[in-house]
Amino acid sequence: MPWQQKIPYLINQPIGVSFLDGTGASGVLCGASSGKLLVIKYLYQAQFALMQYDMYTIQDIHEFPPCPDQQPLY
């Protein structure tokens, strides 16, 4: 499935974004608007930023996998 078709299913989910230049980013997908993918990214402490990535720079988007079943460490 082309990554553009994944957008409605991944809104409000953690995603990884791979770009055509070989770099990547991760955050929570907020949606898409005016040719941009909108992703909230953690910066530091309690600060977050809404990033706007041009769609023509994106190779693919992937949802985060679930955590493996493990015994709690606490």
C-alpha atoms as a PDB file:
ATOM      1  CA  MET A   1       0.000   0.000   0.000  1.00  0.00           C
ATOM      2  CA  PRO A   2       1.410   3.447  -0.864  1.00  0.00           C
ATOM      3  CA  TRP A   3       2.330   5.397   2.266  1.00  0.00           C
ATOM      4  CA  GLN A   4      -0.199   8.148   1.475  1.00  0.00           C
ATOM      5  CA  GLN A   5      -3.020   5.610   1.880  1.00  0.00           C
ATOM      6  CA  LYS A   6      -1.748   4.678   5.377  1.00  0.00           C
ATOM      7  CA  ILE A   7      -2.303   8.192   6.769  1.00  0.00           C
ATOM      8  CA  PRO A   8      -5.973   7.829   7.861  1.00  0.00           C
ATOM      9  CA  TYR A   9      -5.189   4.573   9.697  1.00  0.00           C
ATOM     10  CA  LEU A  10      -2.166   5.969  11.521  1.00  0.00           C
ATOM     11  CA  ILE A  11      -3.542   9.277  12.837  1.00  0.00           C
ATOM     12  CA  ASN A  12      -2.693   9.655  16.563  1.00  0.00           C
ATOM     13  CA  GLN A  13      -0.313   6.672  16.382  1.00  0.00           C
ATOM     14  CA  PRO A  14       3.468   6.643  16.823  1.00  0.00           C
ATOM     15  CA  ILE A  15       5.184   6.379  13.451  1.00  0.00           C
ATOM     16  CA  GLY A  16       8.594   6.360  11.849  1.00  0.00           C
ATOM     17  CA  VAL A  17       9.148   8.416   8.705  1.00  0.00           C
ATOM     18  CA  SER A  18      11.832   7.541   6.179  1.00  0.00           C
ATOM     19  CA  PHE A  19      12.940  10.269   3.801  1.00  0.00           C
ATOM     20  CA  LEU A  20      14.319   9.997   0.279  1.00  0.00           C
ATOM     21  CA  ASP A  21      17.695  11.331   1.480  1.00  0.00           C
ATOM     22  CA  GLY A  22      18.166   8.335   3.804  1.00  0.00           C
ATOM     23  CA  THR A  23      17.333  10.105   7.074  1.00  0.00           C
ATOM     24  CA  GLY A  24      14.387   9.416   9.332  1.00  0.00           C
ATOM     25  CA  ALA A  25      12.195  10.878  12.046  1.00  0.00           C
ATOM     26  CA  SER A  26       9.657   9.588  14.530  1.00  0.00           C
ATOM     27  CA  GLY A  27       6.710  10.968  16.440  1.00  0.00           C
ATOM     28  CA  VAL A  28       2.926  10.880  16.591  1.00  0.00           C
ATOM     29  CA  LEU A  29       1.109  11.394  13.294  1.00  0.00           C
ATOM     30  CA  CYS A  30      -1.353  14.283  13.502  1.00  0.00           C
ATOM     31  CA  GLY A  31      -2.461  14.241   9.872  1.00  0.00           C
ATOM     32  CA  ALA A  32      -1.675  15.784   6.524  1.00  0.00           C
ATOM     33  CA  SER A  33      -2.447  19.222   5.146  1.00  0.00           C
ATOM     34  CA  SER A  34      -1.382  21.286   2.122  1.00  0.00           C
ATOM     35  CA  GLY A  35       1.192  18.771   0.910  1.00  0.00           C
ATOM     36  CA  LYS A  36       2.767  18.317   4.346  1.00  0.00           C
ATOM     37  CA  LEU A  37       2.795  15.455   6.830  1.00  0.00           C
ATOM     38  CA  LEU A  38       2.151  16.742  10.380  1.00  0.00           C
ATOM     39  CA  VAL A  39       4.035  14.916  13.137  1.00  0.00           C
ATOM     40  CA  ILE A  40       4.447  15.830  16.816  1.00  0.00           C
ATOM     41  CA  LYS A  41       8.053  15.223  17.858  1.00  0.00           C
ATOM     42  CA  TYR A  42       9.536  15.152  21.364  1.00  0.00           C
ATOM     43  CA  LEU A  43      12.312  17.719  21.874  1.00  0.00           C
ATOM     44  CA  TYR A  44      13.384  17.555  25.544  1.00  0.00           C
ATOM     45  CA  GLN A  45      11.981  17.878  29.083  1.00  0.00           C
ATOM     46  CA  ALA A  46       8.271  18.635  28.534  1.00  0.00           C
ATOM     47  CA  GLN A  47       8.665  20.239  25.105  1.00  0.00           C
ATOM     48  CA  PHE A  48       7.189  18.947  21.881  1.00  0.00           C
ATOM     49  CA  ALA A  49       7.075  20.456  18.394  1.00  0.00           C
ATOM     50  CA  LEU A  50       4.669  20.027  15.510  1.00  0.00           C
ATOM     51  CA  MET A  51       6.880  19.197  12.541  1.00  0.00           C
ATOM     52  CA  GLN A  52       5.706  19.714   8.971  1.00  0.00           C
ATOM     53  CA  TYR A  53       7.437  17.450   6.471  1.00  0.00           C
ATOM     54  CA  ASP A  54       6.989  18.074   2.739  1.00  0.00           C
ATOM     55  CA  MET A  55       5.339  15.008   1.226  1.00  0.00           C
ATOM     56  CA  TYR A  56       7.661  15.010  -1.781  1.00  0.00           C
ATOM     57  CA  THR A  57      10.603  14.310   0.585  1.00  0.00           C
ATOM     58  CA  ILE A  58       9.015  11.188   2.130  1.00  0.00           C
ATOM     59  CA  GLN A  59       9.834   7.657   1.020  1.00  0.00           C
ATOM     60  CA  ASP A  60       7.572   5.777   3.456  1.00  0.00           C
ATOM     61  CA  ILE A  61       5.896   5.841   6.867  1.00  0.00           C
ATOM     62  CA  HIS A  62       5.717   2.925   9.278  1.00  0.00           C
ATOM     63  CA  GLU A  63       3.699   2.346  12.407  1.00  0.00           C
ATOM     64  CA  PHE A  64       5.624   1.378  15.525  1.00  0.00           C
ATOM     65  CA  PRO A  65       5.545  -2.334  16.326  1.00  0.00           C
ATOM     66  CA  PRO A  66       3.991  -3.495  19.594  1.00  0.00           C
ATOM     67  CA  CYS A  67       6.251  -4.076  22.571  1.00  0.00           C
ATOM     68  CA  PRO A  68       7.394  -7.685  23.009  1.00  0.00           C
ATOM     69  CA  ASP A  69       5.738  -9.674  25.765  1.00  0.00           C
ATOM     70  CA  GLN A  70       8.130  -9.554  28.718  1.00  0.00           C
ATOM     71  CA  GLN A  71       7.941  -9.787  32.451  1.00  0.00           C
ATOM     72  CA  PRO A  72       7.783  -6.361  34.132  1.00  0.00           C
ATOM     73  CA  LEU A  73      11.087  -5.181  35.591  1.00  0.00           C
ATOM     74  CA  TYR A  74       9.502  -3.551  38.634  1.00  0.00           C
END
